[in-house]
């Protein structure tokens, strides 16, 4: 009796091990990666602004958890600014298509007066499956130096 239970347990364990990689690959294939062109919109503080922007996200093939995301933000409100960012992000996928990401970016800010200033931005966000087969992100950006001090942005990857 014990040998039958041991054999059945071994067979179940082998079946689970054999199918686990296939189910993980299937889940990864149906989860949006967030790579490609994206449209951004949101609000900013210090200066208070309405913000719109674009981004392009790609990842180095050998470093699957990392993303490189050049992006530009246009802000209008207390002051008109254009920000150029080169985000280096660490992306950690979780269950059901959600991914958490964070990182930093050197930031160049150009004001409506033509002045430019160099700063840095810390980014933290989440990729949330709002639209099926499309990456949608919600991110907070915290600036230092000449960068805007705070931005809350939603992103839709085309």
C-alpha atoms as a PDB file:
ATOM      1  CA  UNK A   1       0.000   0.000   0.000  1.00  0.00           C
ATOM      2  CA  UNK A   2       2.757   2.413   0.930  1.00  0.00           C
ATOM      3  CA  UNK A   3       4.624   1.665  -2.301  1.00  0.00           C
ATOM      4  CA  UNK A   4       1.466   2.543  -4.326  1.00  0.00           C
ATOM      5  CA  UNK A   5       1.099   5.857  -2.466  1.00  0.00           C
ATOM      6  CA  UNK A   6       4.804   6.597  -2.977  1.00  0.00           C
ATOM      7  CA  UNK A   7       4.494   5.742  -6.695  1.00  0.00           C
ATOM      8  CA  UNK A   8       1.392   7.915  -7.082  1.00  0.00           C
ATOM      9  CA  UNK A   9       3.067  10.812  -5.234  1.00  0.00           C
ATOM     10  CA  UNK A  10       6.147  10.493  -7.457  1.00  0.00           C
ATOM     11  CA  UNK A  11       4.003  10.444 -10.598  1.00  0.00           C
ATOM     12  CA  UNK A  12       2.075  13.557  -9.482  1.00  0.00           C
ATOM     13  CA  UNK A  13       5.333  15.365  -8.602  1.00  0.00           C
ATOM     14  CA  UNK A  14       6.843  14.513 -11.996  1.00  0.00           C
ATOM     15  CA  UNK A  15       3.671  15.665 -13.779  1.00  0.00           C
ATOM     16  CA  UNK A  16       3.708  18.975 -11.888  1.00  0.00           C
ATOM     17  CA  UNK A  17       7.391  19.509 -12.655  1.00  0.00           C
ATOM     18  CA  UNK A  18       6.883  18.707 -16.337  1.00  0.00           C
ATOM     19  CA  UNK A  19       3.948  21.107 -16.756  1.00  0.00           C
ATOM     20  CA  UNK A  20       5.208  24.002 -14.586  1.00  0.00           C
ATOM     21  CA  UNK A  21       7.569  25.467 -17.209  1.00  0.00           C
ATOM     22  CA  UNK A  22       4.877  25.241 -19.886  1.00  0.00           C
ATOM     23  CA  UNK A  23       2.323  27.086 -17.776  1.00  0.00           C
ATOM     24  CA  UNK A  24       4.875  29.747 -16.808  1.00  0.00           C
ATOM     25  CA  UNK A  25       5.775  30.317 -20.483  1.00  0.00           C
ATOM     26  CA  UNK A  26       2.083  30.486 -21.413  1.00  0.00           C
ATOM     27  CA  UNK A  27       1.380  33.084 -18.711  1.00  0.00           C
ATOM     28  CA  UNK A  28       4.398  35.143 -19.780  1.00  0.00           C
ATOM     29  CA  UNK A  29       3.315  35.021 -23.444  1.00  0.00           C
ATOM     30  CA  UNK A  30      -0.145  36.411 -22.654  1.00  0.00           C
ATOM     31  CA  UNK A  31       1.073  39.106 -20.228  1.00  0.00           C
ATOM     32  CA  UNK A  32       1.881  42.457 -21.860  1.00  0.00           C
ATOM     33  CA  UNK A  33       5.576  43.269 -21.563  1.00  0.00           C
ATOM     34  CA  UNK A  34       5.154  47.038 -21.566  1.00  0.00           C
ATOM     35  CA  UNK A  35       7.695  47.371 -24.376  1.00  0.00           C
ATOM     36  CA  UNK A  36       7.056  49.775 -27.248  1.00  0.00           C
ATOM     37  CA  UNK A  37       5.642  53.276 -27.661  1.00  0.00           C
ATOM     38  CA  UNK A  38       3.462  54.703 -24.930  1.00  0.00           C
ATOM     39  CA  UNK A  39       1.364  57.786 -24.332  1.00  0.00           C
ATOM     40  CA  UNK A  40       1.495  59.428 -20.893  1.00  0.00           C
ATOM     41  CA  UNK A  41      -0.821  61.850 -19.086  1.00  0.00           C
ATOM     42  CA  UNK A  42      -1.128  63.090 -15.541  1.00  0.00           C
ATOM     43  CA  UNK A  43      -0.517  65.881 -13.080  1.00  0.00           C
ATOM     44  CA  UNK A  44       2.546  67.473 -11.561  1.00  0.00           C
ATOM     45  CA  UNK A  45       3.419  69.402  -8.452  1.00  0.00           C
ATOM     46  CA  UNK A  46       6.130  72.036  -7.926  1.00  0.00           C
ATOM     47  CA  UNK A  47       5.386  73.380 -10.498  1.00  0.00           C
ATOM     48  CA  UNK A  48       1.638  72.598 -10.586  1.00  0.00           C
ATOM     49  CA  UNK A  49       0.940  71.295 -14.090  1.00  0.00           C
ATOM     50  CA  UNK A  50      -1.106  69.136 -16.397  1.00  0.00           C
ATOM     51  CA  UNK A  51       1.398  66.768 -18.027  1.00  0.00           C
ATOM     52  CA  UNK A  52       1.390  64.845 -21.335  1.00  0.00           C
ATOM     53  CA  UNK A  53       4.193  62.813 -22.806  1.00  0.00           C
ATOM     54  CA  UNK A  54       5.496  59.934 -24.871  1.00  0.00           C
ATOM     55  CA  UNK A  55       7.912  57.109 -24.167  1.00  0.00           C
ATOM     56  CA  UNK A  56       9.608  54.200 -25.863  1.00  0.00           C
ATOM     57  CA  UNK A  57      10.429  51.172 -23.710  1.00  0.00           C
ATOM     58  CA  UNK A  58      12.815  48.405 -24.676  1.00  0.00           C
ATOM     59  CA  UNK A  59      14.913  45.953 -22.742  1.00  0.00           C
ATOM     60  CA  UNK A  60      18.386  44.562 -23.284  1.00  0.00           C
ATOM     61  CA  UNK A  61      17.982  40.934 -24.391  1.00  0.00           C
ATOM     62  CA  UNK A  62      20.446  39.587 -21.836  1.00  0.00           C
ATOM     63  CA  UNK A  63      19.031  41.501 -18.867  1.00  0.00           C
ATOM     64  CA  UNK A  64      15.347  40.561 -18.845  1.00  0.00           C
ATOM     65  CA  UNK A  65      14.419  42.409 -15.632  1.00  0.00           C
ATOM     66  CA  UNK A  66      15.773  45.767 -16.820  1.00  0.00           C
ATOM     67  CA  UNK A  67      14.056  48.312 -19.060  1.00  0.00           C
ATOM     68  CA  UNK A  68      15.468  51.375 -20.764  1.00  0.00           C
ATOM     69  CA  UNK A  69      12.764  53.999 -21.359  1.00  0.00           C
ATOM     70  CA  UNK A  70      13.621  57.299 -23.017  1.00  0.00           C
ATOM     71  CA  UNK A  71      10.680  59.674 -22.583  1.00  0.00           C
ATOM     72  CA  UNK A  72       9.642  63.288 -22.881  1.00  0.00           C
ATOM     73  CA  UNK A  73       7.029  65.145 -20.800  1.00  0.00           C
ATOM     74  CA  UNK A  74       5.329  68.424 -21.654  1.00  0.00           C
ATOM     75  CA  UNK A  75       3.908  70.291 -18.657  1.00  0.00           C
ATOM     76  CA  UNK A  76       1.610  73.337 -18.689  1.00  0.00           C
ATOM     77  CA  UNK A  77       0.327  75.232 -15.679  1.00  0.00           C
ATOM     78  CA  UNK A  78       2.222  77.440 -13.217  1.00  0.00           C
ATOM     79  CA  UNK A  79       5.151  77.110 -15.602  1.00  0.00           C
ATOM     80  CA  UNK A  80       5.550  75.479 -19.017  1.00  0.00           C
ATOM     81  CA  UNK A  81       8.291  72.832 -19.120  1.00  0.00           C
ATOM     82  CA  UNK A  82       9.662  70.116 -21.353  1.00  0.00           C
ATOM     83  CA  UNK A  83      11.496  67.263 -19.605  1.00  0.00           C
ATOM     84  CA  UNK A  84      13.799  64.790 -21.309  1.00  0.00           C
ATOM     85  CA  UNK A  85      14.368  61.603 -19.299  1.00  0.00           C
ATOM     86  CA  UNK A  86      16.307  58.390 -19.819  1.00  0.00           C
ATOM     87  CA  UNK A  87      14.724  55.976 -17.315  1.00  0.00           C
ATOM     88  CA  UNK A  88      16.640  52.860 -16.283  1.00  0.00           C
ATOM     89  CA  UNK A  89      14.044  50.637 -14.619  1.00  0.00           C
ATOM     90  CA  UNK A  90      14.022  47.320 -12.793  1.00  0.00           C
ATOM     91  CA  UNK A  91      10.739  45.499 -13.555  1.00  0.00           C
ATOM     92  CA  UNK A  92       9.494  42.644 -11.375  1.00  0.00           C
ATOM     93  CA  UNK A  93       6.491  40.713 -12.763  1.00  0.00           C
ATOM     94  CA  UNK A  94       3.970  39.399 -10.246  1.00  0.00           C
ATOM     95  CA  UNK A  95       0.727  37.427 -10.550  1.00  0.00           C
ATOM     96  CA  UNK A  96      -2.027  38.080 -13.091  1.00  0.00           C
ATOM     97  CA  UNK A  97      -0.146  40.474 -15.370  1.00  0.00           C
ATOM     98  CA  UNK A  98       0.807  42.977 -12.675  1.00  0.00           C
ATOM     99  CA  UNK A  99       4.417  44.177 -12.557  1.00  0.00           C
ATOM    100  CA  UNK A 100       6.135  46.542 -10.142  1.00  0.00           C
ATOM    101  CA  UNK A 101       8.978  48.715 -11.413  1.00  0.00           C
ATOM    102  CA  UNK A 102      11.329  51.372 -10.147  1.00  0.00           C
ATOM    103  CA  UNK A 103      14.520  53.149 -11.044  1.00  0.00           C
ATOM    104  CA  UNK A 104      16.040  56.468 -11.859  1.00  0.00           C
ATOM    105  CA  UNK A 105      16.728  58.851 -14.698  1.00  0.00           C
ATOM    106  CA  UNK A 106      18.943  61.761 -15.552  1.00  0.00           C
ATOM    107  CA  UNK A 107      16.539  64.585 -16.436  1.00  0.00           C
ATOM    108  CA  UNK A 108      16.990  67.742 -18.489  1.00  0.00           C
ATOM    109  CA  UNK A 109      14.233  70.321 -17.980  1.00  0.00           C
ATOM    110  CA  UNK A 110      13.676  73.176 -20.436  1.00  0.00           C
ATOM    111  CA  UNK A 111      11.382  76.003 -19.309  1.00  0.00           C
ATOM    112  CA  UNK A 112       9.242  78.282 -21.477  1.00  0.00           C
ATOM    113  CA  UNK A 113      11.856  81.019 -21.008  1.00  0.00           C
ATOM    114  CA  UNK A 114      14.454  78.846 -22.748  1.00  0.00           C
ATOM    115  CA  UNK A 115      16.437  78.035 -19.599  1.00  0.00           C
ATOM    116  CA  UNK A 116      17.565  74.442 -19.157  1.00  0.00           C
ATOM    117  CA  UNK A 117      18.553  72.646 -15.994  1.00  0.00           C
ATOM    118  CA  UNK A 118      19.931  69.192 -15.217  1.00  0.00           C
ATOM    119  CA  UNK A 119      18.471  67.048 -12.471  1.00  0.00           C
ATOM    120  CA  UNK A 120      17.477  63.519 -11.614  1.00  0.00           C
ATOM    121  CA  UNK A 121      14.227  61.638 -11.222  1.00  0.00           C
ATOM    122  CA  UNK A 122      13.311  58.607  -9.106  1.00  0.00           C
ATOM    123  CA  UNK A 123      10.511  56.488 -10.572  1.00  0.00           C
ATOM    124  CA  UNK A 124       8.235  53.932  -8.910  1.00  0.00           C
ATOM    125  CA  UNK A 125       5.242  52.390 -10.641  1.00  0.00           C
ATOM    126  CA  UNK A 126       3.011  49.456 -11.404  1.00  0.00           C
ATOM    127  CA  UNK A 127       1.918  47.888 -14.657  1.00  0.00           C
ATOM    128  CA  UNK A 128      -1.751  47.078 -14.150  1.00  0.00           C
ATOM    129  CA  UNK A 129      -3.839  45.029 -16.634  1.00  0.00           C
ATOM    130  CA  UNK A 130      -6.638  47.554 -17.225  1.00  0.00           C
ATOM    131  CA  UNK A 131      -7.070  46.860 -20.966  1.00  0.00           C
ATOM    132  CA  UNK A 132      -6.695  43.275 -22.217  1.00  0.00           C
ATOM    133  CA  UNK A 133      -3.380  42.593 -24.008  1.00  0.00           C
ATOM    134  CA  UNK A 134      -2.209  46.190 -23.463  1.00  0.00           C
ATOM    135  CA  UNK A 135       0.233  47.471 -20.863  1.00  0.00           C
ATOM    136  CA  UNK A 136      -1.159  50.270 -18.721  1.00  0.00           C
ATOM    137  CA  UNK A 137       1.021  51.824 -16.038  1.00  0.00           C
ATOM    138  CA  UNK A 138       0.563  54.124 -13.083  1.00  0.00           C
ATOM    139  CA  UNK A 139       3.774  55.772 -11.916  1.00  0.00           C
ATOM    140  CA  UNK A 140       5.009  58.380  -9.464  1.00  0.00           C
ATOM    141  CA  UNK A 141       8.088  60.428 -10.320  1.00  0.00           C
ATOM    142  CA  UNK A 142      10.107  62.327  -7.697  1.00  0.00           C
ATOM    143  CA  UNK A 143      12.572  64.924  -8.988  1.00  0.00           C
ATOM    144  CA  UNK A 144      15.762  66.421  -7.605  1.00  0.00           C
ATOM    145  CA  UNK A 145      17.897  69.284  -8.839  1.00  0.00           C
ATOM    146  CA  UNK A 146      16.320  70.987 -11.844  1.00  0.00           C
ATOM    147  CA  UNK A 147      13.678  68.275 -12.440  1.00  0.00           C
ATOM    148  CA  UNK A 148       9.989  68.818 -11.511  1.00  0.00           C
ATOM    149  CA  UNK A 149       9.546  67.700  -7.886  1.00  0.00           C
ATOM    150  CA  UNK A 150       6.538  65.404  -8.346  1.00  0.00           C
ATOM    151  CA  UNK A 151       4.530  63.837 -11.148  1.00  0.00           C
ATOM    152  CA  UNK A 152       1.758  61.230 -11.113  1.00  0.00           C
ATOM    153  CA  UNK A 153       1.325  59.735 -14.585  1.00  0.00           C
ATOM    154  CA  UNK A 154      -0.758  57.064 -16.300  1.00  0.00           C
ATOM    155  CA  UNK A 155       0.744  55.392 -19.358  1.00  0.00           C
ATOM    156  CA  UNK A 156      -0.906  53.421 -22.156  1.00  0.00           C
ATOM    157  CA  UNK A 157       1.486  51.394 -24.334  1.00  0.00           C
ATOM    158  CA  UNK A 158       0.344  51.269 -27.952  1.00  0.00           C
END
